[in-house]
Amino acid sequence: KQKIVAELISENIYQATDRSYLLELPLKNLESILLL
């Protein structure tokens, strides 16, 4: 989850302030966001 969140933030898809929210999401949801 940390790796996916870091990738989403580094690519400016989400902002660093969204990190705690993103880490609360289930892994399946994060993987779906990454696939999209």
PDB file of all heavy atoms in Angstrom:
ATOM      1  N   LYS A   1       0.834  -1.201   0.000  1.00  0.00           N
ATOM      2  CA  LYS A   1       0.000   0.000   0.000  1.00  0.00           C
ATOM      3  C   LYS A   1       0.869   1.251   0.000  1.00  0.00           C
ATOM      4  O   LYS A   1       0.604   2.194  -0.748  1.00  0.00           O
ATOM      5  CB  LYS A   1      -0.924   0.000   1.220  1.00  0.00           C
ATOM      6  CG  LYS A   1      -2.076  -0.977   1.094  1.00  0.00           C
ATOM      7  CD  LYS A   1      -2.859  -1.129   2.375  1.00  0.00           C
ATOM      8  CE  LYS A   1      -3.588   0.103   2.773  1.00  0.00           C
ATOM      9  NZ  LYS A   1      -4.506  -0.131   3.918  1.00  0.00           N
ATOM     10  N   GLN A   2       1.930   1.271   0.809  1.00  0.00           N
ATOM     11  CA  GLN A   2       2.815   2.428   0.866  1.00  0.00           C
ATOM     12  C   GLN A   2       3.483   2.677  -0.475  1.00  0.00           C
ATOM     13  O   GLN A   2       3.631   3.821  -0.909  1.00  0.00           O
ATOM     14  CB  GLN A   2       3.865   2.238   1.957  1.00  0.00           C
ATOM     15  CG  GLN A   2       3.291   2.336   3.345  1.00  0.00           C
ATOM     16  CD  GLN A   2       4.314   2.016   4.414  1.00  0.00           C
ATOM     17  OE1 GLN A   2       5.437   1.610   4.127  1.00  0.00           O
ATOM     18  NE2 GLN A   2       3.919   2.195   5.673  1.00  0.00           N
ATOM     19  N   LYS A   3       3.874   1.600  -1.149  1.00  0.00           N
ATOM     20  CA  LYS A   3       4.526   1.737  -2.457  1.00  0.00           C
ATOM     21  C   LYS A   3       3.557   2.330  -3.487  1.00  0.00           C
ATOM     22  O   LYS A   3       3.919   3.235  -4.245  1.00  0.00           O
ATOM     23  CB  LYS A   3       5.018   0.365  -2.923  1.00  0.00           C
ATOM     24  CG  LYS A   3       5.754   0.401  -4.227  1.00  0.00           C
ATOM     25  CD  LYS A   3       6.250  -0.975  -4.618  1.00  0.00           C
ATOM     26  CE  LYS A   3       6.931  -0.928  -5.963  1.00  0.00           C
ATOM     27  NZ  LYS A   3       7.342  -2.250  -6.417  1.00  0.00           N
ATOM     28  N   ILE A   4       2.318   1.844  -3.507  1.00  0.00           N
ATOM     29  CA  ILE A   4       1.327   2.349  -4.456  1.00  0.00           C
ATOM     30  C   ILE A   4       1.013   3.810  -4.168  1.00  0.00           C
ATOM     31  O   ILE A   4       0.960   4.640  -5.082  1.00  0.00           O
ATOM     32  CB  ILE A   4       0.042   1.490  -4.427  1.00  0.00           C
ATOM     33  CG1 ILE A   4       0.328   0.082  -4.976  1.00  0.00           C
ATOM     34  CG2 ILE A   4      -1.076   2.146  -5.222  1.00  0.00           C
ATOM     35  CD1 ILE A   4      -0.811  -0.899  -4.806  1.00  0.00           C
ATOM     36  N   VAL A   5       0.812   4.147  -2.892  1.00  0.00           N
ATOM     37  CA  VAL A   5       0.498   5.522  -2.515  1.00  0.00           C
ATOM     38  C   VAL A   5       1.646   6.453  -2.903  1.00  0.00           C
ATOM     39  O   VAL A   5       1.426   7.537  -3.453  1.00  0.00           O
ATOM     40  CB  VAL A   5       0.174   5.617  -1.006  1.00  0.00           C
ATOM     41  CG1 VAL A   5       0.129   7.059  -0.540  1.00  0.00           C
ATOM     42  CG2 VAL A   5      -1.148   4.916  -0.706  1.00  0.00           C
ATOM     43  N   ALA A   6       2.871   6.031  -2.650  1.00  0.00           N
ATOM     44  CA  ALA A   6       4.027   6.848  -3.009  1.00  0.00           C
ATOM     45  C   ALA A   6       4.081   7.081  -4.517  1.00  0.00           C
ATOM     46  O   ALA A   6       4.384   8.190  -4.974  1.00  0.00           O
ATOM     47  CB  ALA A   6       5.311   6.182  -2.526  1.00  0.00           C
ATOM     48  N   GLU A   7       3.757   6.056  -5.281  1.00  0.00           N
ATOM     49  CA  GLU A   7       3.761   6.196  -6.743  1.00  0.00           C
ATOM     50  C   GLU A   7       2.672   7.160  -7.208  1.00  0.00           C
ATOM     51  O   GLU A   7       2.913   8.013  -8.069  1.00  0.00           O
ATOM     52  CB  GLU A   7       3.558   4.826  -7.386  1.00  0.00           C
ATOM     53  CG  GLU A   7       3.730   4.834  -8.883  1.00  0.00           C
ATOM     54  CD  GLU A   7       3.714   3.446  -9.490  1.00  0.00           C
ATOM     55  OE1 GLU A   7       3.939   2.461  -8.765  1.00  0.00           O
ATOM     56  OE2 GLU A   7       3.479   3.359 -10.704  1.00  0.00           O
ATOM     57  N   LEU A   8       1.479   7.049  -6.634  1.00  0.00           N
ATOM     58  CA  LEU A   8       0.384   7.941  -7.010  1.00  0.00           C
ATOM     59  C   LEU A   8       0.708   9.393  -6.666  1.00  0.00           C
ATOM     60  O   LEU A   8       0.392  10.305  -7.423  1.00  0.00           O
ATOM     61  CB  LEU A   8      -0.917   7.509  -6.322  1.00  0.00           C
ATOM     62  CG  LEU A   8      -1.511   6.181  -6.774  1.00  0.00           C
ATOM     63  CD1 LEU A   8      -2.672   5.784  -5.871  1.00  0.00           C
ATOM     64  CD2 LEU A   8      -1.946   6.232  -8.224  1.00  0.00           C
ATOM     65  N   ILE A   9       1.373   9.599  -5.541  1.00  0.00           N
ATOM     66  CA  ILE A   9       1.735  10.960  -5.136  1.00  0.00           C
ATOM     67  C   ILE A   9       2.886  11.486  -5.992  1.00  0.00           C
ATOM     68  O   ILE A   9       2.867  12.643  -6.424  1.00  0.00           O
ATOM     69  CB  ILE A   9       2.088  10.999  -3.633  1.00  0.00           C
ATOM     70  CG1 ILE A   9       0.818  10.768  -2.805  1.00  0.00           C
ATOM     71  CG2 ILE A   9       2.739  12.319  -3.249  1.00  0.00           C
ATOM     72  CD1 ILE A   9       1.048  10.581  -1.328  1.00  0.00           C
ATOM     73  N   SER A  10       3.860  10.652  -6.281  1.00  0.00           N
ATOM     74  CA  SER A  10       5.006  11.114  -7.069  1.00  0.00           C
ATOM     75  C   SER A  10       4.612  11.477  -8.494  1.00  0.00           C
ATOM     76  O   SER A  10       5.258  12.314  -9.122  1.00  0.00           O
ATOM     77  CB  SER A  10       6.113  10.060  -7.084  1.00  0.00           C
ATOM     78  OG  SER A  10       5.728   8.947  -7.861  1.00  0.00           O
ATOM     79  N   GLU A  11       3.551  10.867  -8.993  1.00  0.00           N
ATOM     80  CA  GLU A  11       3.082  11.175 -10.344  1.00  0.00           C
ATOM     81  C   GLU A  11       2.006  12.256 -10.335  1.00  0.00           C
ATOM     82  O   GLU A  11       1.324  12.462 -11.343  1.00  0.00           O
ATOM     83  CB  GLU A  11       2.570   9.903 -11.013  1.00  0.00           C
ATOM     84  CG  GLU A  11       3.690   8.902 -11.247  1.00  0.00           C
ATOM     85  CD  GLU A  11       3.221   7.648 -11.945  1.00  0.00           C
ATOM     86  OE1 GLU A  11       2.021   7.542 -12.272  1.00  0.00           O
ATOM     87  OE2 GLU A  11       4.060   6.774 -12.168  1.00  0.00           O
ATOM     88  N   ASN A  12       1.839  12.924  -9.206  1.00  0.00           N
ATOM     89  CA  ASN A  12       0.891  14.024  -9.048  1.00  0.00           C
ATOM     90  C   ASN A  12      -0.552  13.635  -9.345  1.00  0.00           C
ATOM     91  O   ASN A  12      -1.349  14.473  -9.760  1.00  0.00           O
ATOM     92  CB  ASN A  12       1.296  15.233  -9.896  1.00  0.00           C
ATOM     93  CG  ASN A  12       2.575  15.850  -9.407  1.00  0.00           C
ATOM     94  OD1 ASN A  12       2.818  15.893  -8.206  1.00  0.00           O
ATOM     95  ND2 ASN A  12       3.402  16.302 -10.320  1.00  0.00           N
ATOM     96  N   ILE A  13      -0.886  12.379  -9.134  1.00  0.00           N
ATOM     97  CA  ILE A  13      -2.269  11.945  -9.271  1.00  0.00           C
ATOM     98  C   ILE A  13      -3.027  12.339  -8.003  1.00  0.00           C
ATOM     99  O   ILE A  13      -4.180  12.726  -8.052  1.00  0.00           O
ATOM    100  CB  ILE A  13      -2.342  10.430  -9.537  1.00  0.00           C
ATOM    101  CG1 ILE A  13      -1.679  10.145 -10.888  1.00  0.00           C
ATOM    102  CG2 ILE A  13      -3.768   9.920  -9.493  1.00  0.00           C
ATOM    103  CD1 ILE A  13      -1.428   8.712 -11.191  1.00  0.00           C
ATOM    104  N   TYR A  14      -2.348  12.226  -6.863  1.00  0.00           N
ATOM    105  CA  TYR A  14      -2.859  12.695  -5.574  1.00  0.00           C
ATOM    106  C   TYR A  14      -1.805  13.581  -4.950  1.00  0.00           C
ATOM    107  O   TYR A  14      -0.633  13.518  -5.309  1.00  0.00           O
ATOM    108  CB  TYR A  14      -3.163  11.517  -4.638  1.00  0.00           C
ATOM    109  CG  TYR A  14      -4.423  10.779  -5.009  1.00  0.00           C
ATOM    110  CD1 TYR A  14      -4.383   9.666  -5.845  1.00  0.00           C
ATOM    111  CD2 TYR A  14      -5.652  11.182  -4.520  1.00  0.00           C
ATOM    112  CE1 TYR A  14      -5.539   8.988  -6.192  1.00  0.00           C
ATOM    113  CE2 TYR A  14      -6.817  10.505  -4.860  1.00  0.00           C
ATOM    114  CZ  TYR A  14      -6.745   9.415  -5.687  1.00  0.00           C
ATOM    115  OH  TYR A  14      -7.890   8.752  -6.029  1.00  0.00           O
ATOM    116  N   GLN A  15      -2.229  14.391  -3.977  1.00  0.00           N
ATOM    117  CA  GLN A  15      -1.292  15.270  -3.286  1.00  0.00           C
ATOM    118  C   GLN A  15      -0.805  14.594  -2.014  1.00  0.00           C
ATOM    119  O   GLN A  15      -1.441  13.676  -1.489  1.00  0.00           O
ATOM    120  CB  GLN A  15      -1.951  16.594  -2.964  1.00  0.00           C
ATOM    121  CG  GLN A  15      -2.343  17.350  -4.214  1.00  0.00           C
ATOM    122  CD  GLN A  15      -2.777  18.760  -3.920  1.00  0.00           C
ATOM    123  OE1 GLN A  15      -2.705  19.212  -2.796  1.00  0.00           O
ATOM    124  NE2 GLN A  15      -3.221  19.450  -4.950  1.00  0.00           N
ATOM    125  N   ALA A  16       0.329  15.060  -1.507  1.00  0.00           N
ATOM    126  CA  ALA A  16       0.920  14.479  -0.306  1.00  0.00           C
ATOM    127  C   ALA A  16      -0.035  14.554   0.885  1.00  0.00           C
ATOM    128  O   ALA A  16       0.003  13.685   1.765  1.00  0.00           O
ATOM    129  CB  ALA A  16       2.236  15.174   0.014  1.00  0.00           C
ATOM    130  N   THR A  17      -0.892  15.543   0.900  1.00  0.00           N
ATOM    131  CA  THR A  17      -1.855  15.669   2.003  1.00  0.00           C
ATOM    132  C   THR A  17      -2.898  14.556   1.990  1.00  0.00           C
ATOM    133  O   THR A  17      -3.576  14.335   2.990  1.00  0.00           O
ATOM    134  CB  THR A  17      -2.570  17.033   1.962  1.00  0.00           C
ATOM    135  OG1 THR A  17      -3.183  17.187   0.676  1.00  0.00           O
ATOM    136  CG2 THR A  17      -1.593  18.172   2.207  1.00  0.00           C
ATOM    137  N   ASP A  18      -3.022  13.840   0.876  1.00  0.00           N
ATOM    138  CA  ASP A  18      -3.980  12.736   0.759  1.00  0.00           C
ATOM    139  C   ASP A  18      -3.406  11.405   1.243  1.00  0.00           C
ATOM    140  O   ASP A  18      -4.115  10.401   1.252  1.00  0.00           O
ATOM    141  CB  ASP A  18      -4.428  12.578  -0.700  1.00  0.00           C
ATOM    142  CG  ASP A  18      -5.169  13.790  -1.220  1.00  0.00           C
ATOM    143  OD1 ASP A  18      -5.876  14.442  -0.437  1.00  0.00           O
ATOM    144  OD2 ASP A  18      -5.023  14.092  -2.422  1.00  0.00           O
ATOM    145  N   ARG A  19      -2.148  11.386   1.647  1.00  0.00           N
ATOM    146  CA  ARG A  19      -1.467  10.133   1.995  1.00  0.00           C
ATOM    147  C   ARG A  19      -2.216   9.344   3.067  1.00  0.00           C
ATOM    148  O   ARG A  19      -2.446   8.132   2.914  1.00  0.00           O
ATOM    149  CB  ARG A  19      -0.042  10.406   2.461  1.00  0.00           C
ATOM    150  CG  ARG A  19       0.725   9.148   2.823  1.00  0.00           C
ATOM    151  CD  ARG A  19       2.135   9.460   3.275  1.00  0.00           C
ATOM    152  NE  ARG A  19       2.911  10.142   2.258  1.00  0.00           N
ATOM    153  CZ  ARG A  19       3.578   9.547   1.278  1.00  0.00           C
ATOM    154  NH1 ARG A  19       3.586   8.247   1.203  1.00  0.00           N
ATOM    155  NH2 ARG A  19       4.245  10.249   0.397  1.00  0.00           N
ATOM    156  N   SER A  20      -2.608   9.973   4.158  1.00  0.00           N
ATOM    157  CA  SER A  20      -3.264   9.225   5.241  1.00  0.00           C
ATOM    158  C   SER A  20      -4.597   8.643   4.778  1.00  0.00           C
ATOM    159  O   SER A  20      -4.949   7.515   5.135  1.00  0.00           O
ATOM    160  CB  SER A  20      -3.444  10.100   6.475  1.00  0.00           C
ATOM    161  OG  SER A  20      -4.254  11.201   6.183  1.00  0.00           O
ATOM    162  N   TYR A  21      -5.338   9.410   3.976  1.00  0.00           N
ATOM    163  CA  TYR A  21      -6.606   8.909   3.427  1.00  0.00           C
ATOM    164  C   TYR A  21      -6.353   7.695   2.527  1.00  0.00           C
ATOM    165  O   TYR A  21      -7.039   6.670   2.641  1.00  0.00           O
ATOM    166  CB  TYR A  21      -7.323  10.007   2.637  1.00  0.00           C
ATOM    167  CG  TYR A  21      -8.451   9.490   1.789  1.00  0.00           C
ATOM    168  CD1 TYR A  21      -9.648   9.093   2.360  1.00  0.00           C
ATOM    169  CD2 TYR A  21      -8.304   9.374   0.407  1.00  0.00           C
ATOM    170  CE1 TYR A  21     -10.692   8.594   1.579  1.00  0.00           C
ATOM    171  CE2 TYR A  21      -9.329   8.878  -0.379  1.00  0.00           C
ATOM    172  CZ  TYR A  21     -10.519   8.489   0.213  1.00  0.00           C
ATOM    173  OH  TYR A  21     -11.538   7.990  -0.569  1.00  0.00           O
ATOM    174  N   LEU A  22      -5.372   7.802   1.658  1.00  0.00           N
ATOM    175  CA  LEU A  22      -5.088   6.709   0.727  1.00  0.00           C
ATOM    176  C   LEU A  22      -4.641   5.447   1.453  1.00  0.00           C
ATOM    177  O   LEU A  22      -5.006   4.334   1.062  1.00  0.00           O
ATOM    178  CB  LEU A  22      -4.023   7.144  -0.283  1.00  0.00           C
ATOM    179  CG  LEU A  22      -4.464   8.211  -1.284  1.00  0.00           C
ATOM    180  CD1 LEU A  22      -3.268   8.745  -2.052  1.00  0.00           C
ATOM    181  CD2 LEU A  22      -5.517   7.663  -2.228  1.00  0.00           C
ATOM    182  N   LEU A  23      -3.855   5.601   2.507  1.00  0.00           N
ATOM    183  CA  LEU A  23      -3.376   4.431   3.249  1.00  0.00           C
ATOM    184  C   LEU A  23      -4.499   3.716   3.991  1.00  0.00           C
ATOM    185  O   LEU A  23      -4.354   2.543   4.343  1.00  0.00           O
ATOM    186  CB  LEU A  23      -2.269   4.837   4.220  1.00  0.00           C
ATOM    187  CG  LEU A  23      -0.942   5.199   3.560  1.00  0.00           C
ATOM    188  CD1 LEU A  23       0.031   5.761   4.584  1.00  0.00           C
ATOM    189  CD2 LEU A  23      -0.341   4.000   2.840  1.00  0.00           C
ATOM    190  N   GLU A  24      -5.614   4.399   4.212  1.00  0.00           N
ATOM    191  CA  GLU A  24      -6.765   3.777   4.868  1.00  0.00           C
ATOM    192  C   GLU A  24      -7.595   2.943   3.890  1.00  0.00           C
ATOM    193  O   GLU A  24      -8.378   2.096   4.308  1.00  0.00           O
ATOM    194  CB  GLU A  24      -7.650   4.832   5.523  1.00  0.00           C
ATOM    195  CG  GLU A  24      -6.991   5.536   6.687  1.00  0.00           C
ATOM    196  CD  GLU A  24      -6.683   4.600   7.839  1.00  0.00           C
ATOM    197  OE1 GLU A  24      -7.511   3.706   8.128  1.00  0.00           O
ATOM    198  OE2 GLU A  24      -5.604   4.750   8.445  1.00  0.00           O
ATOM    199  N   LEU A  25      -7.422   3.186   2.595  1.00  0.00           N
ATOM    200  CA  LEU A  25      -8.179   2.427   1.599  1.00  0.00           C
ATOM    201  C   LEU A  25      -7.699   0.978   1.564  1.00  0.00           C
ATOM    202  O   LEU A  25      -6.527   0.693   1.810  1.00  0.00           O
ATOM    203  CB  LEU A  25      -7.995   3.043   0.208  1.00  0.00           C
ATOM    204  CG  LEU A  25      -8.613   4.418  -0.022  1.00  0.00           C
ATOM    205  CD1 LEU A  25      -8.216   4.933  -1.403  1.00  0.00           C
ATOM    206  CD2 LEU A  25     -10.118   4.356   0.116  1.00  0.00           C
ATOM    207  N   PRO A  26      -8.592   0.056   1.227  1.00  0.00           N
ATOM    208  CA  PRO A  26      -8.177  -1.340   1.061  1.00  0.00           C
ATOM    209  C   PRO A  26      -7.190  -1.470  -0.111  1.00  0.00           C
ATOM    210  O   PRO A  26      -7.239  -0.685  -1.068  1.00  0.00           O
ATOM    211  CB  PRO A  26      -9.476  -2.079   0.742  1.00  0.00           C
ATOM    212  CG  PRO A  26     -10.577  -1.175   1.184  1.00  0.00           C
ATOM    213  CD  PRO A  26     -10.036   0.221   1.078  1.00  0.00           C
ATOM    214  N   LEU A  27      -6.320  -2.447  -0.023  1.00  0.00           N
ATOM    215  CA  LEU A  27      -5.311  -2.669  -1.065  1.00  0.00           C
ATOM    216  C   LEU A  27      -5.970  -2.852  -2.428  1.00  0.00           C
ATOM    217  O   LEU A  27      -5.479  -2.338  -3.431  1.00  0.00           O
ATOM    218  CB  LEU A  27      -4.448  -3.883  -0.716  1.00  0.00           C
ATOM    219  CG  LEU A  27      -3.377  -4.259  -1.720  1.00  0.00           C
ATOM    220  CD1 LEU A  27      -2.402  -3.107  -1.936  1.00  0.00           C
ATOM    221  CD2 LEU A  27      -2.633  -5.500  -1.269  1.00  0.00           C
ATOM    222  N   LYS A  28      -7.081  -3.553  -2.464  1.00  0.00           N
ATOM    223  CA  LYS A  28      -7.777  -3.798  -3.734  1.00  0.00           C
ATOM    224  C   LYS A  28      -8.167  -2.479  -4.413  1.00  0.00           C
ATOM    225  O   LYS A  28      -8.032  -2.334  -5.624  1.00  0.00           O
ATOM    226  CB  LYS A  28      -9.017  -4.656  -3.486  1.00  0.00           C
ATOM    227  CG  LYS A  28      -9.741  -5.058  -4.734  1.00  0.00           C
ATOM    228  CD  LYS A  28     -10.877  -5.990  -4.421  1.00  0.00           C
ATOM    229  CE  LYS A  28     -11.579  -6.410  -5.703  1.00  0.00           C
ATOM    230  NZ  LYS A  28     -12.668  -7.351  -5.440  1.00  0.00           N
ATOM    231  N   ASN A  29      -8.647  -1.520  -3.620  1.00  0.00           N
ATOM    232  CA  ASN A  29      -9.026  -0.219  -4.183  1.00  0.00           C
ATOM    233  C   ASN A  29      -7.802   0.524  -4.721  1.00  0.00           C
ATOM    234  O   ASN A  29      -7.867   1.148  -5.786  1.00  0.00           O
ATOM    235  CB  ASN A  29      -9.729   0.629  -3.136  1.00  0.00           C
ATOM    236  CG  ASN A  29     -11.082   0.088  -2.755  1.00  0.00           C
ATOM    237  OD1 ASN A  29     -11.342  -1.110  -2.874  1.00  0.00           O
ATOM    238  ND2 ASN A  29     -11.944   0.941  -2.272  1.00  0.00           N
ATOM    239  N   LEU A  30      -6.711   0.481  -3.988  1.00  0.00           N
ATOM    240  CA  LEU A  30      -5.489   1.157  -4.443  1.00  0.00           C
ATOM    241  C   LEU A  30      -4.975   0.534  -5.741  1.00  0.00           C
ATOM    242  O   LEU A  30      -4.539   1.242  -6.646  1.00  0.00           O
ATOM    243  CB  LEU A  30      -4.404   1.090  -3.358  1.00  0.00           C
ATOM    244  CG  LEU A  30      -4.634   1.981  -2.149  1.00  0.00           C
ATOM    245  CD1 LEU A  30      -3.608   1.678  -1.072  1.00  0.00           C
ATOM    246  CD2 LEU A  30      -4.600   3.437  -2.538  1.00  0.00           C
ATOM    247  N   GLU A  31      -5.045  -0.794  -5.812  1.00  0.00           N
ATOM    248  CA  GLU A  31      -4.611  -1.462  -7.039  1.00  0.00           C
ATOM    249  C   GLU A  31      -5.510  -1.077  -8.213  1.00  0.00           C
ATOM    250  O   GLU A  31      -5.022  -0.901  -9.329  1.00  0.00           O
ATOM    251  CB  GLU A  31      -4.603  -2.980  -6.835  1.00  0.00           C
ATOM    252  CG  GLU A  31      -3.501  -3.445  -5.919  1.00  0.00           C
ATOM    253  CD  GLU A  31      -3.569  -4.925  -5.613  1.00  0.00           C
ATOM    254  OE1 GLU A  31      -4.662  -5.506  -5.599  1.00  0.00           O
ATOM    255  OE2 GLU A  31      -2.505  -5.502  -5.369  1.00  0.00           O
ATOM    256  N   SER A  32      -6.799  -0.900  -7.967  1.00  0.00           N
ATOM    257  CA  SER A  32      -7.723  -0.478  -9.022  1.00  0.00           C
ATOM    258  C   SER A  32      -7.385   0.923  -9.517  1.00  0.00           C
ATOM    259  O   SER A  32      -7.400   1.183 -10.720  1.00  0.00           O
ATOM    260  CB  SER A  32      -9.167  -0.503  -8.517  1.00  0.00           C
ATOM    261  OG  SER A  32      -9.554  -1.804  -8.200  1.00  0.00           O
ATOM    262  N   ILE A  33      -7.078   1.820  -8.582  1.00  0.00           N
ATOM    263  CA  ILE A  33      -6.690   3.184  -8.960  1.00  0.00           C
ATOM    264  C   ILE A  33      -5.426   3.138  -9.806  1.00  0.00           C
ATOM    265  O   ILE A  33      -5.303   3.828 -10.820  1.00  0.00           O
ATOM    266  CB  ILE A  33      -6.483   4.060  -7.713  1.00  0.00           C
ATOM    267  CG1 ILE A  33      -7.806   4.271  -6.986  1.00  0.00           C
ATOM    268  CG2 ILE A  33      -5.858   5.401  -8.081  1.00  0.00           C
ATOM    269  CD1 ILE A  33      -7.678   4.898  -5.615  1.00  0.00           C
ATOM    270  N   LEU A  34      -4.482   2.319  -9.401  1.00  0.00           N
ATOM    271  CA  LEU A  34      -3.221   2.195 -10.135  1.00  0.00           C
ATOM    272  C   LEU A  34      -3.470   1.648 -11.539  1.00  0.00           C
ATOM    273  O   LEU A  34      -2.888   2.132 -12.513  1.00  0.00           O
ATOM    274  CB  LEU A  34      -2.260   1.291  -9.361  1.00  0.00           C
ATOM    275  CG  LEU A  34      -0.806   1.352  -9.727  1.00  0.00           C
ATOM    276  CD1 LEU A  34      -0.241   2.746  -9.507  1.00  0.00           C
ATOM    277  CD2 LEU A  34      -0.018   0.350  -8.898  1.00  0.00           C
ATOM    278  N   LEU A  35      -4.354   0.677 -11.661  1.00  0.00           N
ATOM    279  CA  LEU A  35      -4.673   0.119 -12.977  1.00  0.00           C
ATOM    280  C   LEU A  35      -5.375   1.142 -13.864  1.00  0.00           C
ATOM    281  O   LEU A  35      -5.112   1.202 -15.063  1.00  0.00           O
ATOM    282  CB  LEU A  35      -5.537  -1.131 -12.836  1.00  0.00           C
ATOM    283  CG  LEU A  35      -4.822  -2.371 -12.318  1.00  0.00           C
ATOM    284  CD1 LEU A  35      -5.822  -3.499 -12.098  1.00  0.00           C
ATOM    285  CD2 LEU A  35      -3.731  -2.804 -13.269  1.00  0.00           C
ATOM    286  N   LEU A  36      -6.269   1.929 -13.282  1.00  0.00           N
ATOM    287  CA  LEU A  36      -6.952   2.965 -14.065  1.00  0.00           C
ATOM    288  C   LEU A  36      -5.958   3.996 -14.583  1.00  0.00           C
ATOM    289  O   LEU A  36      -6.094   4.511 -15.687  1.00  0.00           O
ATOM    290  CB  LEU A  36      -8.017   3.664 -13.218  1.00  0.00           C
ATOM    291  CG  LEU A  36      -9.252   2.852 -12.911  1.00  0.00           C
ATOM    292  CD1 LEU A  36     -10.143   3.595 -11.922  1.00  0.00           C
ATOM    293  CD2 LEU A  36     -10.013   2.540 -14.186  1.00  0.00           C
TER     294      LEU A  36
END
